[in-house]
Amino acid sequence: MSIGNSPEDERPFEDDREQARLSVGRALKQARIDAGLTVDDVSNATRVRIAIVHAIEADDFAPCGGDVYARGHIRTLAKAVHLDPAPLLAQYDADHGGRPAPTPAAPLFEAERIRPERRGPNWTAAMVAAIVAVVGFVGFTAFKGGDDGGAKAQVAEGSTPTQSKSPSATPHDKKSATPKSDPSDSAIAAAPQDKVTVRVSAPDGKSWISAKDHNGRLLFDGLLQQGDSKTFQDNEKINLVLGDAGAIQLYVNGKKIEDDFQPGAVERLTYTKGDPQVG
């Protein structure tokens, strides 16, 4: 009869400890402690609320508000405590039934591409109409000037060349100056004032993003690769969640948003057709 615990008796206890170490919340908490950080430190660095940090470290993801937000918080907290987020996200997906399939966004973005194309021809038609009007005015003035020059040639032929050329010089100057426009002004003019238009681009790195309209309908939920961009439009407002806001550039109603987003920070933003506010 043996005294004490045998290796076989201890093995289940070791398995339980190993399973605990693989827990997403335990892994984040241990990494934070190893890094010498408090919950307040992590909350200030990531802008994730203290209550949510405590809940995640206890493997309670309900306060996150859904799998999409939980994944974004896990990624942000992992970066803050110097962990690779990929294994933690895989563990979370395994524990919660797999990663949620993103909502098919192709029809929505097709609609967004069609809207600017409808506006483009209207603006172009206006420019063409303006140019035609200028050309017509130039032609009429030149024709009128030619008639005046002919009449004056019969009275005083020596003064005709100077007087007949001067009327046509000014309209030609107007024609050359009319088509010129600032590309940035054109981009702002392309955004309709009765809607809110938000363009999200990732020039410096990839980032997970989520976008909803004013009714809460999901417009996009997925990873924006480096160099990609997405455009969203609604009658009232656009709600955004940025997984790595430091990698994102935003253009709202044709104007660039100059907020200093930190790398790895999760941002929740709402824009309306009156944004960006002046002052």
Protein backbone atom coordinates (compact mmCIF):
# COMPACT_ATOMS: atom_id res chain seq x y z
CA MET A 1 0.00 0.00 0.00
CA SER A 2 1.57 3.26 -1.14
CA ILE A 3 1.77 6.39 0.95
CA GLY A 4 1.17 9.82 -0.64
CA ASN A 5 0.01 10.68 -4.14
CA SER A 6 1.27 8.69 -7.05
CA PRO A 7 2.13 10.41 -10.40
CA GLU A 8 -1.16 9.04 -11.75
CA ASP A 9 -3.05 10.72 -8.91
CA GLU A 10 -1.36 14.05 -9.60
CA ARG A 11 -1.85 13.98 -13.35
CA PRO A 12 -5.51 15.16 -13.42
CA PHE A 13 -4.54 18.09 -11.18
CA GLU A 14 -1.79 19.03 -13.62
CA ASP A 15 -4.25 18.74 -16.50
CA ASP A 16 -6.60 21.12 -14.70
CA ARG A 17 -3.78 23.60 -14.24
CA GLU A 18 -2.83 23.29 -17.87
CA GLN A 19 -6.42 23.90 -18.91
CA ALA A 20 -6.57 26.96 -16.64
CA ARG A 21 -3.39 28.30 -18.21
CA LEU A 22 -4.98 28.00 -21.65
CA SER A 23 -7.98 30.12 -20.57
CA VAL A 24 -8.08 33.41 -22.50
CA GLY A 25 -8.79 35.51 -19.44
CA ARG A 26 -6.16 33.78 -17.30
CA ALA A 27 -3.55 34.18 -20.03
CA LEU A 28 -4.25 37.92 -20.34
CA LYS A 29 -4.22 38.41 -16.58
CA GLN A 30 -0.95 36.50 -16.08
CA ALA A 31 0.72 38.42 -18.92
CA ARG A 32 -0.40 41.70 -17.38
CA ILE A 33 1.00 40.71 -13.99
CA ASP A 34 4.27 39.55 -15.58
CA ALA A 35 4.54 42.91 -17.35
CA GLY A 36 4.13 44.72 -14.01
CA LEU A 37 0.92 46.47 -15.11
CA THR A 38 -2.25 47.15 -13.15
CA VAL A 39 -5.76 46.99 -14.54
CA ASP A 40 -5.82 50.79 -14.51
CA ASP A 41 -2.62 50.87 -16.57
CA VAL A 42 -4.09 48.56 -19.18
CA SER A 43 -7.40 50.47 -19.25
CA ASN A 44 -5.64 53.81 -19.75
CA ALA A 45 -3.41 52.40 -22.50
CA THR A 46 -6.21 50.69 -24.43
CA ARG A 47 -9.24 52.86 -23.55
CA VAL A 48 -11.08 49.67 -22.58
CA ARG A 49 -13.14 50.28 -19.44
CA ILE A 50 -11.83 48.87 -16.17
CA ALA A 51 -14.99 46.80 -15.61
CA ILE A 52 -14.59 45.12 -19.00
CA VAL A 53 -10.89 44.36 -18.34
CA HIS A 54 -11.82 42.69 -15.05
CA ALA A 55 -14.63 40.72 -16.73
CA ILE A 56 -12.42 39.47 -19.57
CA GLU A 57 -9.68 38.39 -17.16
CA ALA A 58 -12.39 36.39 -15.36
CA ASP A 59 -13.44 34.82 -18.72
CA ASP A 60 -16.75 36.68 -18.61
CA PHE A 61 -17.29 38.16 -22.08
CA ALA A 62 -20.94 39.14 -21.68
CA PRO A 63 -20.15 42.82 -20.87
CA CYS A 64 -18.35 43.09 -24.22
CA GLY A 65 -21.69 43.15 -26.02
CA GLY A 66 -21.10 40.29 -28.47
CA ASP A 67 -18.44 38.15 -30.12
CA VAL A 68 -17.31 40.93 -32.48
CA TYR A 69 -16.55 43.33 -29.63
CA ALA A 70 -15.09 40.57 -27.46
CA ARG A 71 -12.62 39.66 -30.20
CA GLY A 72 -11.63 43.30 -30.60
CA HIS A 73 -11.04 43.68 -26.85
CA ILE A 74 -8.99 40.46 -26.69
CA ARG A 75 -6.79 41.68 -29.54
CA THR A 76 -6.31 45.10 -27.93
CA LEU A 77 -5.53 43.75 -24.44
CA ALA A 78 -3.14 41.12 -25.82
CA LYS A 79 -1.09 43.80 -27.58
CA ALA A 80 -1.04 45.92 -24.43
CA VAL A 81 0.48 43.07 -22.36
CA HIS A 82 2.83 41.96 -25.16
CA LEU A 83 1.02 38.76 -26.16
CA ASP A 84 0.38 37.41 -29.64
CA PRO A 85 -3.41 37.81 -30.04
CA ALA A 86 -3.80 35.07 -32.68
CA PRO A 87 -3.69 32.04 -30.28
CA LEU A 88 -6.03 33.79 -27.86
CA LEU A 89 -8.53 34.55 -30.61
CA ALA A 90 -8.36 30.95 -31.79
CA GLN A 91 -8.99 29.77 -28.21
CA TYR A 92 -11.93 32.16 -27.88
CA ASP A 93 -13.44 30.94 -31.15
CA ALA A 94 -13.03 27.31 -30.04
CA ASP A 95 -14.73 28.03 -26.71
CA HIS A 96 -17.61 30.01 -28.24
CA GLY A 97 -18.61 27.96 -31.25
CA GLY A 98 -16.23 29.34 -33.86
CA ARG A 99 -15.74 32.78 -35.33
CA PRO A 100 -19.03 34.40 -36.46
CA ALA A 101 -19.35 34.54 -40.23
CA PRO A 102 -19.22 38.17 -41.43
CA THR A 103 -22.39 39.55 -42.97
CA PRO A 104 -22.14 39.49 -46.80
CA ALA A 105 -21.40 43.10 -47.63
CA ALA A 106 -21.00 42.95 -51.42
CA PRO A 107 -24.54 44.20 -52.25
CA LEU A 108 -24.24 47.05 -49.77
CA PHE A 109 -20.92 48.25 -51.12
CA GLU A 110 -22.16 47.85 -54.66
CA ALA A 111 -24.91 50.29 -53.76
CA GLU A 112 -22.34 52.66 -52.25
CA ARG A 113 -20.31 52.54 -55.47
CA ILE A 114 -23.38 53.27 -57.57
CA ARG A 115 -24.37 56.38 -55.62
CA PRO A 116 -21.19 58.38 -56.30
CA GLU A 117 -21.41 57.32 -59.97
CA ARG A 118 -24.87 58.89 -60.19
CA ARG A 119 -23.54 62.11 -58.70
CA GLY A 120 -20.46 62.18 -60.95
CA PRO A 121 -22.34 62.58 -64.27
CA ASN A 122 -24.53 65.35 -62.79
CA TRP A 123 -21.48 67.35 -61.73
CA THR A 124 -19.76 66.66 -65.05
CA ALA A 125 -22.86 67.70 -66.96
CA ALA A 126 -22.89 70.99 -65.07
CA MET A 127 -19.25 71.61 -65.97
CA VAL A 128 -19.89 70.74 -69.62
CA ALA A 129 -22.89 73.09 -69.66
CA ALA A 130 -20.75 75.87 -68.20
CA ILE A 131 -17.99 75.30 -70.76
CA VAL A 132 -20.53 75.24 -73.63
CA ALA A 133 -21.99 78.51 -72.37
CA VAL A 134 -18.53 80.11 -72.26
CA VAL A 135 -17.70 78.83 -75.76
CA GLY A 136 -21.04 80.13 -77.05
CA PHE A 137 -20.37 83.51 -75.46
CA VAL A 138 -16.88 83.59 -77.01
CA GLY A 139 -18.27 82.70 -80.43
CA PHE A 140 -21.04 85.28 -80.20
CA THR A 141 -18.63 87.97 -79.04
CA ALA A 142 -16.12 87.12 -81.77
CA PHE A 143 -18.86 87.16 -84.41
CA LYS A 144 -20.18 90.47 -83.13
CA GLY A 145 -16.68 91.87 -82.97
CA GLY A 146 -16.07 90.77 -86.58
CA ASP A 147 -19.18 92.60 -87.75
CA ASP A 148 -18.17 95.74 -85.88
CA GLY A 149 -14.68 95.48 -87.32
CA GLY A 150 -16.07 95.26 -90.87
CA ALA A 151 -18.23 98.31 -90.38
CA LYS A 152 -15.40 100.29 -88.87
CA ALA A 153 -13.11 99.27 -91.72
CA GLN A 154 -15.35 101.16 -94.11
CA VAL A 155 -15.13 104.31 -91.98
CA ALA A 156 -11.58 104.23 -90.59
CA GLU A 157 -9.60 101.21 -91.79
CA GLY A 158 -6.46 102.14 -89.87
CA SER A 159 -8.08 101.57 -86.45
CA THR A 160 -9.95 98.32 -87.34
CA PRO A 161 -7.32 95.63 -86.40
CA THR A 162 -6.87 96.83 -82.82
CA GLN A 163 -10.60 97.25 -82.10
CA SER A 164 -11.67 93.95 -83.71
CA LYS A 165 -9.14 91.82 -81.78
CA SER A 166 -9.66 93.29 -78.32
CA PRO A 167 -13.21 91.93 -77.64
CA SER A 168 -12.19 88.32 -78.33
CA ALA A 169 -9.13 88.40 -76.05
CA THR A 170 -11.04 88.62 -72.76
CA PRO A 171 -13.46 85.69 -73.39
CA HIS A 172 -10.53 83.41 -74.30
CA ASP A 173 -8.97 84.21 -70.93
CA LYS A 174 -12.25 83.29 -69.23
CA LYS A 175 -12.41 79.99 -71.10
CA SER A 176 -8.92 78.97 -70.01
CA ALA A 177 -9.63 79.81 -66.35
CA THR A 178 -13.11 78.23 -66.07
CA PRO A 179 -12.31 74.44 -66.12
CA LYS A 180 -9.64 74.67 -63.41
CA SER A 181 -10.70 73.28 -60.00
CA ASP A 182 -9.11 72.03 -56.82
CA PRO A 183 -9.31 68.18 -56.57
CA SER A 184 -9.95 68.41 -52.82
CA ASP A 185 -12.90 70.79 -53.45
CA SER A 186 -14.31 68.28 -55.94
CA ALA A 187 -14.05 65.48 -53.38
CA ILE A 188 -15.93 67.54 -50.79
CA ALA A 189 -18.56 68.59 -53.33
CA ALA A 190 -19.12 64.92 -54.22
CA ALA A 191 -20.40 64.18 -50.69
CA PRO A 192 -24.14 65.01 -50.55
CA GLN A 193 -25.12 67.40 -47.77
CA ASP A 194 -28.33 65.51 -46.97
CA LYS A 195 -26.43 62.30 -46.07
CA VAL A 196 -23.45 61.27 -43.96
CA THR A 197 -20.60 59.71 -45.94
CA VAL A 198 -17.70 58.00 -44.14
CA ARG A 199 -14.63 56.64 -45.92
CA VAL A 200 -12.33 54.30 -43.95
CA SER A 201 -8.85 53.50 -45.30
CA ALA A 202 -5.91 51.54 -43.90
CA PRO A 203 -2.72 53.07 -45.37
CA ASP A 204 -0.40 52.05 -42.50
CA GLY A 205 -1.57 48.53 -41.64
CA LYS A 206 -4.55 46.21 -41.41
CA SER A 207 -7.37 46.64 -38.90
CA TRP A 208 -10.65 44.96 -38.05
CA ILE A 209 -13.61 47.32 -38.47
CA SER A 210 -17.37 47.20 -37.95
CA ALA A 211 -19.89 49.68 -39.40
CA LYS A 212 -23.63 50.09 -38.75
CA ASP A 213 -26.28 52.49 -40.05
CA HIS A 214 -28.71 54.53 -37.89
CA ASN A 215 -31.06 51.54 -37.60
CA GLY A 216 -28.30 49.33 -36.20
CA ARG A 217 -28.04 47.32 -39.43
CA LEU A 218 -24.57 45.86 -39.91
CA LEU A 219 -22.94 47.30 -43.03
CA PHE A 220 -19.55 45.63 -42.64
CA ASP A 221 -17.74 43.40 -40.16
CA GLY A 222 -14.30 42.17 -41.10
CA LEU A 223 -10.61 42.83 -41.61
CA LEU A 224 -9.50 45.83 -43.67
CA GLN A 225 -6.16 44.92 -45.26
CA GLN A 226 -3.36 47.47 -45.63
CA GLY A 227 -4.05 49.72 -48.61
CA ASP A 228 -7.78 48.88 -48.69
CA SER A 229 -10.64 51.31 -48.08
CA LYS A 230 -14.39 51.14 -47.51
CA THR A 231 -17.08 53.80 -47.91
CA PHE A 232 -20.31 53.88 -45.91
CA GLN A 233 -23.32 56.16 -46.34
CA ASP A 234 -26.59 56.72 -44.45
CA ASN A 235 -29.36 59.30 -44.19
CA GLU A 236 -28.64 60.07 -40.51
CA LYS A 237 -25.51 58.53 -38.98
CA ILE A 238 -22.77 55.90 -39.25
CA ASN A 239 -21.55 53.98 -36.16
CA LEU A 240 -17.97 52.66 -36.37
CA VAL A 241 -15.86 50.32 -34.24
CA LEU A 242 -12.14 50.30 -35.12
CA GLY A 243 -10.07 47.38 -33.82
CA ASP A 244 -6.74 49.15 -34.44
CA ALA A 245 -7.56 52.82 -34.80
CA GLY A 246 -3.91 53.82 -35.21
CA ALA A 247 -3.82 52.14 -38.65
CA ILE A 248 -6.94 53.95 -39.91
CA GLN A 249 -7.54 57.22 -41.75
CA LEU A 250 -11.09 58.63 -41.75
CA TYR A 251 -12.78 61.00 -44.19
CA VAL A 252 -16.19 62.23 -43.06
CA ASN A 253 -18.36 64.11 -45.55
CA GLY A 254 -15.31 64.71 -47.74
CA LYS A 255 -13.06 66.01 -44.93
CA LYS A 256 -10.18 64.22 -43.22
CA ILE A 257 -10.54 63.55 -39.49
CA GLU A 258 -7.33 64.59 -37.73
CA ASP A 259 -7.83 62.69 -34.42
CA ASP A 260 -4.62 61.22 -33.01
CA PHE A 261 -5.63 57.56 -32.74
CA GLN A 262 -3.15 55.33 -30.90
CA PRO A 263 -1.87 52.05 -32.46
CA GLY A 264 -3.82 49.07 -31.15
CA ALA A 265 -6.56 51.23 -29.60
CA VAL A 266 -10.21 50.23 -30.02
CA GLU A 267 -12.34 53.25 -30.98
CA ARG A 268 -16.14 53.54 -31.08
CA LEU A 269 -17.17 56.50 -33.23
CA THR A 270 -20.43 58.00 -34.48
CA TYR A 271 -20.65 60.50 -37.34
CA THR A 272 -23.66 62.42 -38.67
CA LYS A 273 -24.26 64.52 -41.76
CA GLY A 274 -23.24 67.64 -39.81
CA ASP A 275 -19.74 66.31 -39.02
CA PRO A 276 -16.97 67.18 -38.67
CA GLN A 277 -18.10 69.97 -36.35
CA VAL A 278 -16.40 73.34 -36.76
CA GLY A 279 -14.53 74.80 -33.83
